[in-house]
């Protein structure tokens, strides 16, 4: 079970890493072969299916996003937790609402993440 405190600690560190545009720090939260899905991948031409797998592929996608959006800044709204997952609800580029769903393994690393946007 992921406690409220664990979920908040993860969310704050994740948001801070993104806001610092520190890709290495962002990627520390994930397993080497994690899977990320997002409709933005399709919009930016990064993936026809909206899914990428592995730190190398997702990291390259995120690096491009950080370059494309140099003013990228997240503002945490809320964090929800479950047994082995959390959802981070936040404002992103142009104050749009976003929710990111994270599945954690037994080592506390994310093995699957799904981005949701309005």
PDB file of N, CA and C in Angstrom:
ATOM      1  N   UNK A   1       0.836  -1.188   0.000  1.00  0.00           N
ATOM      2  CA  UNK A   1       0.000   0.000   0.000  1.00  0.00           C
ATOM      3  C   UNK A   1       0.880   1.250   0.000  1.00  0.00           C
ATOM      4  N   UNK A   2       0.592   2.169  -0.863  1.00  0.00           N
ATOM      5  CA  UNK A   2       1.312   3.438  -0.914  1.00  0.00           C
ATOM      6  C   UNK A   2       0.617   4.407   0.032  1.00  0.00           C
ATOM      7  N   UNK A   3       1.367   4.904   0.996  1.00  0.00           N
ATOM      8  CA  UNK A   3       0.791   5.830   1.962  1.00  0.00           C
ATOM      9  C   UNK A   3       0.634   7.218   1.345  1.00  0.00           C
ATOM     10  N   UNK A   4      -0.151   8.026   1.979  1.00  0.00           N
ATOM     11  CA  UNK A   4      -0.318   9.421   1.547  1.00  0.00           C
ATOM     12  C   UNK A   4       1.032  10.141   1.551  1.00  0.00           C
ATOM     13  N   UNK A   5       1.814   9.908   2.586  1.00  0.00           N
ATOM     14  CA  UNK A   5       3.124  10.557   2.700  1.00  0.00           C
ATOM     15  C   UNK A   5       4.053  10.138   1.567  1.00  0.00           C
ATOM     16  N   UNK A   6       4.062   8.849   1.223  1.00  0.00           N
ATOM     17  CA  UNK A   6       4.898   8.359   0.117  1.00  0.00           C
ATOM     18  C   UNK A   6       4.441   8.961  -1.210  1.00  0.00           C
ATOM     19  N   UNK A   7       3.144   9.011  -1.413  1.00  0.00           N
ATOM     20  CA  UNK A   7       2.602   9.566  -2.655  1.00  0.00           C
ATOM     21  C   UNK A   7       2.960  11.046  -2.788  1.00  0.00           C
ATOM     22  N   UNK A   8       2.811  11.787  -1.699  1.00  0.00           N
ATOM     23  CA  UNK A   8       3.150  13.217  -1.730  1.00  0.00           C
ATOM     24  C   UNK A   8       4.641  13.435  -1.960  1.00  0.00           C
ATOM     25  N   UNK A   9       5.481  12.633  -1.307  1.00  0.00           N
ATOM     26  CA  UNK A   9       6.929  12.765  -1.485  1.00  0.00           C
ATOM     27  C   UNK A   9       7.313  12.509  -2.936  1.00  0.00           C
ATOM     28  N   UNK A  10       6.748  11.457  -3.531  1.00  0.00           N
ATOM     29  CA  UNK A  10       7.029  11.163  -4.937  1.00  0.00           C
ATOM     30  C   UNK A  10       6.576  12.321  -5.818  1.00  0.00           C
ATOM     31  N   UNK A  11       5.352  12.777  -5.616  1.00  0.00           N
ATOM     32  CA  UNK A  11       4.784  13.835  -6.456  1.00  0.00           C
ATOM     33  C   UNK A  11       5.604  15.118  -6.376  1.00  0.00           C
ATOM     34  N   UNK A  12       5.981  15.520  -5.173  1.00  0.00           N
ATOM     35  CA  UNK A  12       6.760  16.752  -5.018  1.00  0.00           C
ATOM     36  C   UNK A  12       8.124  16.629  -5.698  1.00  0.00           C
ATOM     37  N   UNK A  13       8.777  15.489  -5.529  1.00  0.00           N
ATOM     38  CA  UNK A  13      10.085  15.306  -6.160  1.00  0.00           C
ATOM     39  C   UNK A  13       9.956  15.256  -7.679  1.00  0.00           C
ATOM     40  N   UNK A  14       8.938  14.588  -8.170  1.00  0.00           N
ATOM     41  CA  UNK A  14       8.696  14.466  -9.617  1.00  0.00           C
ATOM     42  C   UNK A  14       8.448  15.844 -10.222  1.00  0.00           C
ATOM     43  N   UNK A  15       7.574  16.638  -9.595  1.00  0.00           N
ATOM     44  CA  UNK A  15       7.269  17.988 -10.090  1.00  0.00           C
ATOM     45  C   UNK A  15       8.521  18.872 -10.038  1.00  0.00           C
ATOM     46  N   UNK A  16       9.268  18.806  -8.931  1.00  0.00           N
ATOM     47  CA  UNK A  16      10.483  19.613  -8.809  1.00  0.00           C
ATOM     48  C   UNK A  16      11.503  19.249  -9.885  1.00  0.00           C
ATOM     49  N   UNK A  17      11.648  17.959 -10.184  1.00  0.00           N
ATOM     50  CA  UNK A  17      12.589  17.514 -11.220  1.00  0.00           C
ATOM     51  C   UNK A  17      12.177  18.057 -12.585  1.00  0.00           C
ATOM     52  N   UNK A  18      10.882  17.982 -12.893  1.00  0.00           N
ATOM     53  CA  UNK A  18      10.392  18.528 -14.156  1.00  0.00           C
ATOM     54  C   UNK A  18      10.596  20.041 -14.213  1.00  0.00           C
ATOM     55  N   UNK A  19      10.260  20.734 -13.147  1.00  0.00           N
ATOM     56  CA  UNK A  19      10.380  22.193 -13.142  1.00  0.00           C
ATOM     57  C   UNK A  19      11.833  22.654 -13.240  1.00  0.00           C
ATOM     58  N   UNK A  20      12.761  21.818 -12.802  1.00  0.00           N
ATOM     59  CA  UNK A  20      14.187  22.111 -12.937  1.00  0.00           C
ATOM     60  C   UNK A  20      14.712  21.710 -14.319  1.00  0.00           C
ATOM     61  N   UNK A  21      13.862  21.068 -15.111  1.00  0.00           N
ATOM     62  CA  UNK A  21      14.244  20.537 -16.429  1.00  0.00           C
ATOM     63  C   UNK A  21      15.450  19.602 -16.292  1.00  0.00           C
ATOM     64  N   UNK A  22      15.433  18.812 -15.207  1.00  0.00           N
ATOM     65  CA  UNK A  22      16.513  17.877 -14.898  1.00  0.00           C
ATOM     66  C   UNK A  22      16.079  16.480 -15.332  1.00  0.00           C
ATOM     67  N   UNK A  23      16.376  16.142 -16.586  1.00  0.00           N
ATOM     68  CA  UNK A  23      15.915  14.876 -17.159  1.00  0.00           C
ATOM     69  C   UNK A  23      16.457  13.674 -16.393  1.00  0.00           C
ATOM     70  N   UNK A  24      17.701  13.717 -15.985  1.00  0.00           N
ATOM     71  CA  UNK A  24      18.270  12.594 -15.224  1.00  0.00           C
ATOM     72  C   UNK A  24      17.493  12.360 -13.935  1.00  0.00           C
ATOM     73  N   UNK A  25      17.163  13.436 -13.259  1.00  0.00           N
ATOM     74  CA  UNK A  25      16.400  13.330 -12.002  1.00  0.00           C
ATOM     75  C   UNK A  25      14.988  12.819 -12.263  1.00  0.00           C
ATOM     76  N   UNK A  26      14.366  13.270 -13.346  1.00  0.00           N
ATOM     77  CA  UNK A  26      13.034  12.764 -13.694  1.00  0.00           C
ATOM     78  C   UNK A  26      13.105  11.253 -13.919  1.00  0.00           C
ATOM     79  N   UNK A  27      14.085  10.817 -14.706  1.00  0.00           N
ATOM     80  CA  UNK A  27      14.190   9.404 -15.067  1.00  0.00           C
ATOM     81  C   UNK A  27      14.541   8.493 -13.892  1.00  0.00           C
ATOM     82  N   UNK A  28      15.088   9.053 -12.814  1.00  0.00           N
ATOM     83  CA  UNK A  28      15.408   8.250 -11.631  1.00  0.00           C
ATOM     84  C   UNK A  28      14.166   7.591 -11.029  1.00  0.00           C
ATOM     85  N   UNK A  29      13.002   8.124 -11.307  1.00  0.00           N
ATOM     86  CA  UNK A  29      11.762   7.586 -10.740  1.00  0.00           C
ATOM     87  C   UNK A  29      11.284   6.315 -11.444  1.00  0.00           C
ATOM     88  N   UNK A  30      11.910   5.956 -12.561  1.00  0.00           N
ATOM     89  CA  UNK A  30      11.390   4.918 -13.441  1.00  0.00           C
ATOM     90  C   UNK A  30      12.326   3.719 -13.565  1.00  0.00           C
ATOM     91  N   UNK A  31      11.722   2.549 -13.811  1.00  0.00           N
ATOM     92  CA  UNK A  31      12.454   1.346 -14.169  1.00  0.00           C
ATOM     93  C   UNK A  31      13.097   1.546 -15.539  1.00  0.00           C
ATOM     94  N   UNK A  32      14.135   0.813 -15.823  1.00  0.00           N
ATOM     95  CA  UNK A  32      14.857   0.930 -17.093  1.00  0.00           C
ATOM     96  C   UNK A  32      13.936   0.687 -18.292  1.00  0.00           C
ATOM     97  N   UNK A  33      13.041  -0.294 -18.182  1.00  0.00           N
ATOM     98  CA  UNK A  33      12.182  -0.672 -19.321  1.00  0.00           C
ATOM     99  C   UNK A  33      10.726  -0.228 -19.130  1.00  0.00           C
ATOM    100  N   UNK A  34      10.513   0.881 -18.405  1.00  0.00           N
ATOM    101  CA  UNK A  34       9.140   1.316 -18.147  1.00  0.00           C
ATOM    102  C   UNK A  34       8.422   1.696 -19.441  1.00  0.00           C
ATOM    103  N   UNK A  35       7.108   1.727 -19.350  1.00  0.00           N
ATOM    104  CA  UNK A  35       6.261   2.064 -20.495  1.00  0.00           C
ATOM    105  C   UNK A  35       5.508   3.352 -20.194  1.00  0.00           C
ATOM    106  N   UNK A  36       5.515   4.268 -21.157  1.00  0.00           N
ATOM    107  CA  UNK A  36       4.825   5.551 -21.019  1.00  0.00           C
ATOM    108  C   UNK A  36       3.850   5.694 -22.169  1.00  0.00           C
ATOM    109  N   UNK A  37       2.625   6.097 -21.861  1.00  0.00           N
ATOM    110  CA  UNK A  37       1.614   6.364 -22.882  1.00  0.00           C
ATOM    111  C   UNK A  37       1.090   7.781 -22.712  1.00  0.00           C
ATOM    112  N   UNK A  38       0.910   8.463 -23.846  1.00  0.00           N
ATOM    113  CA  UNK A  38       0.424   9.834 -23.824  1.00  0.00           C
ATOM    114  C   UNK A  38      -0.065  10.228 -25.211  1.00  0.00           C
ATOM    115  N   UNK A  39      -1.207  10.915 -25.290  1.00  0.00           N
ATOM    116  CA  UNK A  39      -1.665  11.399 -26.593  1.00  0.00           C
ATOM    117  C   UNK A  39      -0.738  12.465 -27.175  1.00  0.00           C
ATOM    118  N   UNK A  40       0.050  13.104 -26.317  1.00  0.00           N
ATOM    119  CA  UNK A  40       0.992  14.127 -26.793  1.00  0.00           C
ATOM    120  C   UNK A  40       2.065  13.487 -27.668  1.00  0.00           C
ATOM    121  N   UNK A  41       2.419  12.240 -27.400  1.00  0.00           N
ATOM    122  CA  UNK A  41       3.387  11.535 -28.245  1.00  0.00           C
ATOM    123  C   UNK A  41       2.902  11.461 -29.686  1.00  0.00           C
ATOM    124  N   UNK A  42       1.629  11.225 -29.840  1.00  0.00           N
ATOM    125  CA  UNK A  42       1.035  11.161 -31.185  1.00  0.00           C
ATOM    126  C   UNK A  42       1.038  12.553 -31.807  1.00  0.00           C
ATOM    127  N   UNK A  43       0.613  13.553 -31.042  1.00  0.00           N
ATOM    128  CA  UNK A  43       0.544  14.927 -31.545  1.00  0.00           C
ATOM    129  C   UNK A  43       1.909  15.447 -31.992  1.00  0.00           C
ATOM    130  N   UNK A  44       2.972  15.065 -31.277  1.00  0.00           N
ATOM    131  CA  UNK A  44       4.319  15.537 -31.613  1.00  0.00           C
ATOM    132  C   UNK A  44       5.042  14.623 -32.599  1.00  0.00           C
ATOM    133  N   UNK A  45       4.347  13.567 -33.046  1.00  0.00           N
ATOM    134  CA  UNK A  45       4.942  12.647 -34.007  1.00  0.00           C
ATOM    135  C   UNK A  45       6.002  11.741 -33.427  1.00  0.00           C
ATOM    136  N   UNK A  46       5.968  11.528 -32.121  1.00  0.00           N
ATOM    137  CA  UNK A  46       6.972  10.691 -31.454  1.00  0.00           C
ATOM    138  C   UNK A  46       6.603   9.210 -31.465  1.00  0.00           C
ATOM    139  N   UNK A  47       5.292   8.917 -31.561  1.00  0.00           N
ATOM    140  CA  UNK A  47       4.832   7.528 -31.544  1.00  0.00           C
ATOM    141  C   UNK A  47       3.459   7.463 -32.189  1.00  0.00           C
ATOM    142  N   UNK A  48       3.295   6.562 -33.145  1.00  0.00           N
ATOM    143  CA  UNK A  48       1.991   6.402 -33.792  1.00  0.00           C
ATOM    144  C   UNK A  48       0.955   5.820 -32.848  1.00  0.00           C
ATOM    145  N   UNK A  49       1.404   5.029 -31.881  1.00  0.00           N
ATOM    146  CA  UNK A  49       0.487   4.365 -30.953  1.00  0.00           C
ATOM    147  C   UNK A  49       0.264   5.159 -29.670  1.00  0.00           C
ATOM    148  N   UNK A  50       1.103   6.158 -29.436  1.00  0.00           N
ATOM    149  CA  UNK A  50       1.010   6.923 -28.196  1.00  0.00           C
ATOM    150  C   UNK A  50       1.703   6.255 -27.034  1.00  0.00           C
ATOM    151  N   UNK A  51       2.535   5.258 -27.314  1.00  0.00           N
ATOM    152  CA  UNK A  51       3.253   4.530 -26.261  1.00  0.00           C
ATOM    153  C   UNK A  51       4.715   4.350 -26.656  1.00  0.00           C
ATOM    154  N   UNK A  52       5.589   4.579 -25.688  1.00  0.00           N
ATOM    155  CA  UNK A  52       7.023   4.319 -25.846  1.00  0.00           C
ATOM    156  C   UNK A  52       7.470   3.462 -24.670  1.00  0.00           C
ATOM    157  N   UNK A  53       8.517   2.669 -24.894  1.00  0.00           N
ATOM    158  CA  UNK A  53       9.011   1.792 -23.835  1.00  0.00           C
ATOM    159  C   UNK A  53      10.513   1.967 -23.687  1.00  0.00           C
ATOM    160  N   UNK A  54      10.955   2.131 -22.431  1.00  0.00           N
ATOM    161  CA  UNK A  54      12.366   2.222 -22.110  1.00  0.00           C
ATOM    162  C   UNK A  54      12.828   3.639 -21.865  1.00  0.00           C
ATOM    163  N   UNK A  55      13.794   3.763 -20.936  1.00  0.00           N
ATOM    164  CA  UNK A  55      14.304   5.082 -20.583  1.00  0.00           C
ATOM    165  C   UNK A  55      14.936   5.789 -21.762  1.00  0.00           C
ATOM    166  N   UNK A  56      15.574   5.049 -22.656  1.00  0.00           N
ATOM    167  CA  UNK A  56      16.215   5.690 -23.794  1.00  0.00           C
ATOM    168  C   UNK A  56      15.199   6.354 -24.713  1.00  0.00           C
ATOM    169  N   UNK A  57      14.127   5.656 -25.040  1.00  0.00           N
ATOM    170  CA  UNK A  57      13.108   6.207 -25.953  1.00  0.00           C
ATOM    171  C   UNK A  57      12.269   7.293 -25.288  1.00  0.00           C
ATOM    172  N   UNK A  58      11.794   7.016 -24.083  1.00  0.00           N
ATOM    173  CA  UNK A  58      10.980   8.012 -23.384  1.00  0.00           C
ATOM    174  C   UNK A  58      11.835   9.217 -23.017  1.00  0.00           C
ATOM    175  N   UNK A  59      13.076   8.969 -22.605  1.00  0.00           N
ATOM    176  CA  UNK A  59      13.981  10.057 -22.269  1.00  0.00           C
ATOM    177  C   UNK A  59      14.233  10.978 -23.451  1.00  0.00           C
ATOM    178  N   UNK A  60      14.391  10.409 -24.636  1.00  0.00           N
ATOM    179  CA  UNK A  60      14.586  11.227 -25.844  1.00  0.00           C
ATOM    180  C   UNK A  60      13.345  12.064 -26.133  1.00  0.00           C
ATOM    181  N   UNK A  61      12.168  11.474 -25.965  1.00  0.00           N
ATOM    182  CA  UNK A  61      10.902  12.190 -26.150  1.00  0.00           C
ATOM    183  C   UNK A  61      10.790  13.345 -25.160  1.00  0.00           C
ATOM    184  N   UNK A  62      11.094  13.078 -23.885  1.00  0.00           N
ATOM    185  CA  UNK A  62      11.014  14.127 -22.867  1.00  0.00           C
ATOM    186  C   UNK A  62      12.061  15.212 -23.087  1.00  0.00           C
ATOM    187  N   UNK A  63      13.232  14.832 -23.533  1.00  0.00           N
ATOM    188  CA  UNK A  63      14.275  15.819 -23.818  1.00  0.00           C
ATOM    189  C   UNK A  63      13.790  16.772 -24.913  1.00  0.00           C
ATOM    190  N   UNK A  64      13.186  16.223 -25.965  1.00  0.00           N
ATOM    191  CA  UNK A  64      12.627  17.054 -27.036  1.00  0.00           C
ATOM    192  C   UNK A  64      11.534  17.970 -26.504  1.00  0.00           C
ATOM    193  N   UNK A  65      10.698  17.470 -25.616  1.00  0.00           N
ATOM    194  CA  UNK A  65       9.620  18.280 -25.036  1.00  0.00           C
ATOM    195  C   UNK A  65      10.190  19.433 -24.216  1.00  0.00           C
ATOM    196  N   UNK A  66      11.265  19.170 -23.471  1.00  0.00           N
ATOM    197  CA  UNK A  66      11.882  20.224 -22.659  1.00  0.00           C
ATOM    198  C   UNK A  66      12.489  21.316 -23.538  1.00  0.00           C
ATOM    199  N   UNK A  67      13.004  20.910 -24.701  1.00  0.00           N
ATOM    200  CA  UNK A  67      13.554  21.895 -25.645  1.00  0.00           C
ATOM    201  C   UNK A  67      12.425  22.672 -26.309  1.00  0.00           C
ATOM    202  N   UNK A  68      11.399  21.945 -26.732  1.00  0.00           N
ATOM    203  CA  UNK A  68      10.265  22.575 -27.427  1.00  0.00           C
ATOM    204  C   UNK A  68       9.506  23.537 -26.513  1.00  0.00           C
ATOM    205  N   UNK A  69       9.434  23.217 -25.229  1.00  0.00           N
ATOM    206  CA  UNK A  69       8.700  24.031 -24.259  1.00  0.00           C
ATOM    207  C   UNK A  69       9.655  24.491 -23.151  1.00  0.00           C
ATOM    208  N   UNK A  70      10.512  25.472 -23.434  1.00  0.00           N
ATOM    209  CA  UNK A  70      11.493  25.903 -22.428  1.00  0.00           C
ATOM    210  C   UNK A  70      10.864  26.519 -21.181  1.00  0.00           C
ATOM    211  N   UNK A  71       9.613  26.951 -21.286  1.00  0.00           N
ATOM    212  CA  UNK A  71       8.920  27.511 -20.122  1.00  0.00           C
ATOM    213  C   UNK A  71       8.053  26.463 -19.414  1.00  0.00           C
ATOM    214  N   UNK A  72       8.281  25.198 -19.727  1.00  0.00           N
ATOM    215  CA  UNK A  72       7.540  24.101 -19.111  1.00  0.00           C
ATOM    216  C   UNK A  72       7.606  24.212 -17.591  1.00  0.00           C
ATOM    217  N   UNK A  73       6.441  24.229 -16.960  1.00  0.00           N
ATOM    218  CA  UNK A  73       6.370  24.324 -15.504  1.00  0.00           C
ATOM    219  C   UNK A  73       5.098  23.621 -15.039  1.00  0.00           C
ATOM    220  N   UNK A  74       5.249  22.745 -14.057  1.00  0.00           N
ATOM    221  CA  UNK A  74       4.110  22.035 -13.491  1.00  0.00           C
ATOM    222  C   UNK A  74       3.747  22.652 -12.146  1.00  0.00           C
ATOM    223  N   UNK A  75       2.440  22.692 -11.864  1.00  0.00           N
ATOM    224  CA  UNK A  75       1.958  23.151 -10.561  1.00  0.00           C
ATOM    225  C   UNK A  75       1.043  22.069  -9.994  1.00  0.00           C
ATOM    226  N   UNK A  76       1.479  21.482  -8.907  1.00  0.00           N
ATOM    227  CA  UNK A  76       0.761  20.382  -8.275  1.00  0.00           C
ATOM    228  C   UNK A  76      -0.584  20.840  -7.729  1.00  0.00           C
ATOM    229  N   UNK A  77      -1.631  20.073  -8.042  1.00  0.00           N
ATOM    230  CA  UNK A  77      -2.973  20.338  -7.511  1.00  0.00           C
ATOM    231  C   UNK A  77      -3.320  19.315  -6.433  1.00  0.00           C
ATOM    232  N   UNK A  78      -3.170  18.026  -6.768  1.00  0.00           N
ATOM    233  CA  UNK A  78      -3.563  16.974  -5.828  1.00  0.00           C
ATOM    234  C   UNK A  78      -2.850  15.676  -6.185  1.00  0.00           C
ATOM    235  N   UNK A  79      -2.741  14.800  -5.203  1.00  0.00           N
ATOM    236  CA  UNK A  79      -2.154  13.486  -5.378  1.00  0.00           C
ATOM    237  C   UNK A  79      -3.113  12.462  -4.786  1.00  0.00           C
ATOM    238  N   UNK A  80      -3.400  11.426  -5.543  1.00  0.00           N
ATOM    239  CA  UNK A  80      -4.285  10.350  -5.096  1.00  0.00           C
ATOM    240  C   UNK A  80      -3.478   9.053  -5.077  1.00  0.00           C
ATOM    241  N   UNK A  81      -3.721   8.197  -4.093  1.00  0.00           N
ATOM    242  CA  UNK A  81      -2.957   6.951  -4.019  1.00  0.00           C
ATOM    243  C   UNK A  81      -3.865   5.748  -3.892  1.00  0.00           C
ATOM    244  N   UNK A  82      -3.298   4.595  -4.273  1.00  0.00           N
ATOM    245  CA  UNK A  82      -3.988   3.317  -4.178  1.00  0.00           C
ATOM    246  C   UNK A  82      -2.984   2.287  -3.667  1.00  0.00           C
ATOM    247  N   UNK A  83      -3.208   1.034  -3.977  1.00  0.00           N
ATOM    248  CA  UNK A  83      -2.358  -0.035  -3.470  1.00  0.00           C
ATOM    249  C   UNK A  83      -0.940   0.077  -4.021  1.00  0.00           C
ATOM    250  N   UNK A  84      -0.795   0.096  -5.343  1.00  0.00           N
ATOM    251  CA  UNK A  84       0.534   0.202  -5.956  1.00  0.00           C
ATOM    252  C   UNK A  84       0.548   1.236  -7.080  1.00  0.00           C
ATOM    253  N   UNK A  85      -0.284   2.252  -6.933  1.00  0.00           N
ATOM    254  CA  UNK A  85      -0.339   3.295  -7.958  1.00  0.00           C
ATOM    255  C   UNK A  85      -0.702   4.637  -7.326  1.00  0.00           C
ATOM    256  N   UNK A  86      -0.360   5.695  -8.063  1.00  0.00           N
ATOM    257  CA  UNK A  86      -0.792   7.038  -7.674  1.00  0.00           C
ATOM    258  C   UNK A  86      -1.198   7.801  -8.927  1.00  0.00           C
ATOM    259  N   UNK A  87      -1.956   8.860  -8.712  1.00  0.00           N
ATOM    260  CA  UNK A  87      -2.314   9.803  -9.763  1.00  0.00           C
ATOM    261  C   UNK A  87      -1.895  11.182  -9.273  1.00  0.00           C
ATOM    262  N   UNK A  88      -1.155  11.866 -10.129  1.00  0.00           N
ATOM    263  CA  UNK A  88      -0.770  13.248  -9.841  1.00  0.00           C
ATOM    264  C   UNK A  88      -1.605  14.140 -10.747  1.00  0.00           C
ATOM    265  N   UNK A  89      -2.328  15.044 -10.117  1.00  0.00           N
ATOM    266  CA  UNK A  89      -3.190  15.998 -10.824  1.00  0.00           C
ATOM    267  C   UNK A  89      -2.493  17.346 -10.757  1.00  0.00           C
ATOM    268  N   UNK A  90      -2.257  17.972 -11.923  1.00  0.00           N
ATOM    269  CA  UNK A  90      -1.438  19.180 -11.947  1.00  0.00           C
ATOM    270  C   UNK A  90      -1.776  20.064 -13.144  1.00  0.00           C
ATOM    271  N   UNK A  91      -1.312  21.306 -13.065  1.00  0.00           N
ATOM    272  CA  UNK A  91      -1.373  22.224 -14.205  1.00  0.00           C
ATOM    273  C   UNK A  91      -0.070  22.078 -14.971  1.00  0.00           C
ATOM    274  N   UNK A  92      -0.168  22.134 -16.294  1.00  0.00           N
ATOM    275  CA  UNK A  92       1.019  22.034 -17.142  1.00  0.00           C
ATOM    276  C   UNK A  92       1.084  23.237 -18.082  1.00  0.00           C
ATOM    277  N   UNK A  93       1.653  23.076 -19.232  1.00  0.00           N
ATOM    278  CA  UNK A  93       1.845  24.151 -20.206  1.00  0.00           C
ATOM    279  C   UNK A  93       0.540  24.908 -20.449  1.00  0.00           C
ATOM    280  N   UNK A  94       0.631  26.231 -20.456  1.00  0.00           N
ATOM    281  CA  UNK A  94      -0.535  27.104 -20.658  1.00  0.00           C
ATOM    282  C   UNK A  94      -1.637  26.867 -19.638  1.00  0.00           C
ATOM    283  N   UNK A  95      -1.252  26.424 -18.441  1.00  0.00           N
ATOM    284  CA  UNK A  95      -2.183  26.204 -17.338  1.00  0.00           C
ATOM    285  C   UNK A  95      -3.221  25.113 -17.624  1.00  0.00           C
ATOM    286  N   UNK A  96      -2.917  24.221 -18.583  1.00  0.00           N
ATOM    287  CA  UNK A  96      -3.825  23.111 -18.880  1.00  0.00           C
ATOM    288  C   UNK A  96      -3.808  22.105 -17.734  1.00  0.00           C
ATOM    289  N   UNK A  97      -4.933  21.440 -17.540  1.00  0.00           N
ATOM    290  CA  UNK A  97      -5.034  20.412 -16.515  1.00  0.00           C
ATOM    291  C   UNK A  97      -4.482  19.090 -17.039  1.00  0.00           C
ATOM    292  N   UNK A  98      -3.769  18.390 -16.170  1.00  0.00           N
ATOM    293  CA  UNK A  98      -3.191  17.103 -16.515  1.00  0.00           C
ATOM    294  C   UNK A  98      -3.315  16.165 -15.329  1.00  0.00           C
ATOM    295  N   UNK A  99      -3.369  14.881 -15.630  1.00  0.00           N
ATOM    296  CA  UNK A  99      -3.323  13.852 -14.600  1.00  0.00           C
ATOM    297  C   UNK A  99      -2.397  12.754 -15.114  1.00  0.00           C
ATOM    298  N   UNK A 100      -1.480  12.352 -14.268  1.00  0.00           N
ATOM    299  CA  UNK A 100      -0.530  11.310 -14.635  1.00  0.00           C
ATOM    300  C   UNK A 100      -0.754  10.133 -13.699  1.00  0.00           C
ATOM    301  N   UNK A 101      -0.924   8.956 -14.291  1.00  0.00           N
ATOM    302  CA  UNK A 101      -1.161   7.712 -13.566  1.00  0.00           C
ATOM    303  C   UNK A 101       0.140   6.919 -13.541  1.00  0.00           C
ATOM    304  N   UNK A 102       0.583   6.489 -12.359  1.00  0.00           N
ATOM    305  CA  UNK A 102       1.839   5.765 -12.196  1.00  0.00           C
ATOM    306  C   UNK A 102       1.597   4.419 -11.515  1.00  0.00           C
ATOM    307  N   UNK A 103       2.150   3.358 -12.085  1.00  0.00           N
ATOM    308  CA  UNK A 103       2.140   2.025 -11.468  1.00  0.00           C
ATOM    309  C   UNK A 103       3.547   1.738 -10.951  1.00  0.00           C
ATOM    310  N   UNK A 104       3.650   1.298  -9.692  1.00  0.00           N
ATOM    311  CA  UNK A 104       4.937   1.054  -9.047  1.00  0.00           C
ATOM    312  C   UNK A 104       5.195  -0.434  -8.857  1.00  0.00           C
ATOM    313  N   UNK A 105       6.471  -0.813  -8.982  1.00  0.00           N
ATOM    314  CA  UNK A 105       6.857  -2.187  -8.693  1.00  0.00           C
ATOM    315  C   UNK A 105       7.276  -2.309  -7.233  1.00  0.00           C
ATOM    316  N   UNK A 106       7.743  -3.485  -6.846  1.00  0.00           N
ATOM    317  CA  UNK A 106       8.107  -3.737  -5.451  1.00  0.00           C
ATOM    318  C   UNK A 106       9.330  -2.940  -5.002  1.00  0.00           C
ATOM    319  N   UNK A 107      10.124  -2.416  -5.949  1.00  0.00           N
ATOM    320  CA  UNK A 107      11.298  -1.595  -5.611  1.00  0.00           C
ATOM    321  C   UNK A 107      10.942  -0.114  -5.497  1.00  0.00           C
ATOM    322  N   UNK A 108       9.658   0.220  -5.710  1.00  0.00           N
ATOM    323  CA  UNK A 108       9.230   1.607  -5.615  1.00  0.00           C
ATOM    324  C   UNK A 108       9.513   2.427  -6.856  1.00  0.00           C
ATOM    325  N   UNK A 109       9.789   1.743  -7.962  1.00  0.00           N
ATOM    326  CA  UNK A 109      10.049   2.416  -9.235  1.00  0.00           C
ATOM    327  C   UNK A 109       8.811   2.300 -10.130  1.00  0.00           C
ATOM    328  N   UNK A 110       8.614   3.304 -10.963  1.00  0.00           N
ATOM    329  CA  UNK A 110       7.486   3.305 -11.894  1.00  0.00           C
ATOM    330  C   UNK A 110       7.800   2.371 -13.058  1.00  0.00           C
ATOM    331  N   UNK A 111       6.871   1.439 -13.331  1.00  0.00           N
ATOM    332  CA  UNK A 111       7.045   0.570 -14.484  1.00  0.00           C
ATOM    333  C   UNK A 111       6.036   0.898 -15.603  1.00  0.00           C
ATOM    334  N   UNK A 112       5.030   1.690 -15.262  1.00  0.00           N
ATOM    335  CA  UNK A 112       4.058   2.094 -16.277  1.00  0.00           C
ATOM    336  C   UNK A 112       3.486   3.440 -15.868  1.00  0.00           C
ATOM    337  N   UNK A 113       3.366   4.350 -16.864  1.00  0.00           N
ATOM    338  CA  UNK A 113       2.795   5.659 -16.608  1.00  0.00           C
ATOM    339  C   UNK A 113       1.918   6.040 -17.798  1.00  0.00           C
ATOM    340  N   UNK A 114       0.827   6.729 -17.491  1.00  0.00           N
ATOM    341  CA  UNK A 114      -0.107   7.163 -18.536  1.00  0.00           C
ATOM    342  C   UNK A 114      -0.485   8.607 -18.263  1.00  0.00           C
ATOM    343  N   UNK A 115      -0.251   9.469 -19.249  1.00  0.00           N
ATOM    344  CA  UNK A 115      -0.588  10.874 -19.145  1.00  0.00           C
ATOM    345  C   UNK A 115      -1.987  11.149 -19.684  1.00  0.00           C
ATOM    346  N   UNK A 116      -2.717  12.005 -18.995  1.00  0.00           N
ATOM    347  CA  UNK A 116      -4.070  12.406 -19.382  1.00  0.00           C
ATOM    348  C   UNK A 116      -4.144  13.925 -19.403  1.00  0.00           C
ATOM    349  N   UNK A 117      -4.747  14.482 -20.433  1.00  0.00           N
ATOM    350  CA  UNK A 117      -4.762  15.942 -20.602  1.00  0.00           C
ATOM    351  C   UNK A 117      -6.125  16.419 -21.068  1.00  0.00           C
ATOM    352  N   UNK A 118      -6.462  17.682 -20.714  1.00  0.00           N
ATOM    353  CA  UNK A 118      -7.731  18.235 -21.183  1.00  0.00           C
ATOM    354  C   UNK A 118      -7.523  18.995 -22.459  1.00  0.00           C
TER     355      UNK A 118
END
